[in-house]
Amino acid sequence: MSIQEYAPYRGCNIEVNVTLSKTHWLGGKYRRYRVSWTVTLPGNPEQELLSFPEQFDFLTEHEAFKYGENRAHTFVDSMLSTPSQRRRFRDAVARPATRQDVF
């Protein structure tokens, strides 16, 4: 498994995990890559906002990492675009909470 941590995005930490997955298809085995991503609050990496395994296989490790990073950014953007979620997010950053308090 390969892991990449990215620079904070809009106050959230992003970690993307890529694992090798062998796929059987006509004529043999093929290498594919699976991706999952995690978004955590700054200063409290144990407090996950969301950890999500994607259901797609990728041809290259680079494509998997790029997709995971983009999906995590989309999640953060969507969370901050809703006024009620934005308020809850600011409160969660201001005071450590449990995962259930954020969502």
Foldseek 3Di string as FASTA:
>chain_A
DDKDWDDDDPQKTKMKDKDWDWDADPPGIAIWIWMKMWIGGPPCRVATLDIGTDPDTHRDPVVRVVVNVVVVNVVVVVQCVDVVLVVQVVVCNVDPDHNVSND
